[in-house]
């Protein structure tokens, strides 16, 4: 299996404190995330890491990403989990599928 980050063991921490220790969520949100949000002039929006994750998923889906791609991007165990959480964002594409199938049928008949 290929490591998640080249040159690092699979069990290595990806993000650490300056001393190499595990980051604790509350400390990170106060010391790093909150400061970055304020520095970007976005302090009044109520941004959280979870909201940014949801936004990333929404943008990927709006860009036409396949559910399996979104699953991988978010680290979900199954596509079912992704669909349960974000299924409402996948547009109803039945007409698009029907048109593509009809175009393939017409092409096959003409050949």
Protein backbone atom coordinates (compact mmCIF):
# COMPACT_ATOMS: atom_id res chain seq x y z
CA UNK A 1 0.00 0.00 0.00
CA UNK A 2 1.30 3.44 -0.95
CA UNK A 3 1.70 5.83 2.03
CA UNK A 4 -0.73 8.73 2.23
CA UNK A 5 2.21 11.15 2.20
CA UNK A 6 5.34 10.19 0.29
CA UNK A 7 8.28 9.43 2.55
CA UNK A 8 6.17 9.08 5.71
CA UNK A 9 4.87 5.93 7.37
CA UNK A 10 1.11 5.29 7.22
CA UNK A 11 0.73 5.88 10.95
CA UNK A 12 2.65 9.18 10.97
CA UNK A 13 0.76 12.29 12.03
CA UNK A 14 0.13 14.58 9.09
CA UNK A 15 -0.24 17.79 11.10
CA UNK A 16 1.50 18.33 14.42
CA UNK A 17 2.31 21.02 16.93
CA UNK A 18 5.68 22.76 16.63
CA UNK A 19 7.05 20.11 18.99
CA UNK A 20 5.73 17.24 16.87
CA UNK A 21 2.88 16.30 19.20
CA UNK A 22 -0.71 15.51 18.25
CA UNK A 23 -2.84 18.62 17.65
CA UNK A 24 -5.78 19.04 19.99
CA UNK A 25 -8.85 20.38 18.20
CA UNK A 26 -9.74 23.15 20.65
CA UNK A 27 -6.20 24.49 20.71
CA UNK A 28 -5.89 24.38 16.94
CA UNK A 29 -9.23 26.13 16.37
CA UNK A 30 -8.35 28.92 18.80
CA UNK A 31 -4.68 29.35 17.95
CA UNK A 32 -4.64 28.71 14.22
CA UNK A 33 -8.02 28.47 12.52
CA UNK A 34 -9.70 31.35 14.34
CA UNK A 35 -6.75 33.65 13.73
CA UNK A 36 -6.63 32.73 10.04
CA UNK A 37 -10.36 33.42 9.64
CA UNK A 38 -9.98 36.84 11.28
CA UNK A 39 -6.86 37.67 9.25
CA UNK A 40 -8.80 36.87 6.08
CA UNK A 41 -11.51 39.32 7.14
CA UNK A 42 -14.10 36.55 7.49
CA UNK A 43 -14.61 36.73 11.24
CA UNK A 44 -18.32 37.56 11.08
CA UNK A 45 -19.30 34.54 8.98
CA UNK A 46 -19.21 31.90 11.70
CA UNK A 47 -16.85 29.68 9.71
CA UNK A 48 -15.87 26.33 11.16
CA UNK A 49 -13.71 23.54 9.73
CA UNK A 50 -16.90 21.48 9.33
CA UNK A 51 -18.57 24.23 7.30
CA UNK A 52 -15.52 24.45 5.03
CA UNK A 53 -15.58 20.67 4.57
CA UNK A 54 -19.27 20.83 3.63
CA UNK A 55 -18.51 23.66 1.21
CA UNK A 56 -15.71 21.65 -0.41
CA UNK A 57 -18.07 18.69 -0.86
CA UNK A 58 -20.79 20.95 -2.27
CA UNK A 59 -18.41 22.56 -4.76
CA UNK A 60 -17.10 19.18 -5.90
CA UNK A 61 -20.64 17.90 -6.44
CA UNK A 62 -21.66 21.10 -8.27
CA UNK A 63 -18.61 20.64 -10.52
CA UNK A 64 -19.95 17.22 -11.49
CA UNK A 65 -17.74 15.02 -9.32
CA UNK A 66 -18.79 11.39 -9.13
CA UNK A 67 -19.99 10.20 -5.72
CA UNK A 68 -16.96 7.88 -5.48
CA UNK A 69 -14.63 10.85 -6.01
CA UNK A 70 -16.39 12.82 -3.28
CA UNK A 71 -16.24 9.75 -1.02
CA UNK A 72 -12.48 9.51 -1.48
CA UNK A 73 -11.99 13.24 -1.06
CA UNK A 74 -13.84 13.26 2.27
CA UNK A 75 -12.39 9.97 3.51
CA UNK A 76 -15.77 8.30 3.92
CA UNK A 77 -15.78 4.52 4.31
CA UNK A 78 -18.54 4.03 1.73
CA UNK A 79 -20.33 5.90 -1.04
CA UNK A 80 -23.52 5.23 0.92
CA UNK A 81 -22.19 7.35 3.76
CA UNK A 82 -21.41 10.17 1.31
CA UNK A 83 -24.87 9.94 -0.26
CA UNK A 84 -26.55 9.88 3.15
CA UNK A 85 -24.76 13.10 4.11
CA UNK A 86 -24.65 14.94 0.78
CA UNK A 87 -27.20 13.16 -1.43
CA UNK A 88 -29.48 16.19 -1.43
CA UNK A 89 -26.75 18.07 -3.32
CA UNK A 90 -26.61 15.63 -6.25
CA UNK A 91 -29.00 17.05 -8.86
CA UNK A 92 -31.73 14.96 -10.43
CA UNK A 93 -30.12 13.98 -13.73
CA UNK A 94 -32.70 11.55 -15.15
CA UNK A 95 -33.35 13.69 -18.24
CA UNK A 96 -29.61 13.95 -18.92
CA UNK A 97 -29.21 10.17 -18.66
CA UNK A 98 -32.22 9.55 -20.91
CA UNK A 99 -30.84 11.92 -23.56
CA UNK A 100 -27.41 10.26 -23.45
CA UNK A 101 -28.97 6.80 -23.77
CA UNK A 102 -31.12 7.95 -26.69
CA UNK A 103 -28.09 9.45 -28.45
CA UNK A 104 -26.22 6.16 -28.00
CA UNK A 105 -29.23 4.25 -29.38
CA UNK A 106 -29.42 6.50 -32.44
CA UNK A 107 -25.68 6.11 -33.04
CA UNK A 108 -25.90 2.31 -32.73
CA UNK A 109 -28.82 2.11 -35.20
CA UNK A 110 -27.00 4.34 -37.72
CA UNK A 111 -23.88 2.16 -37.60
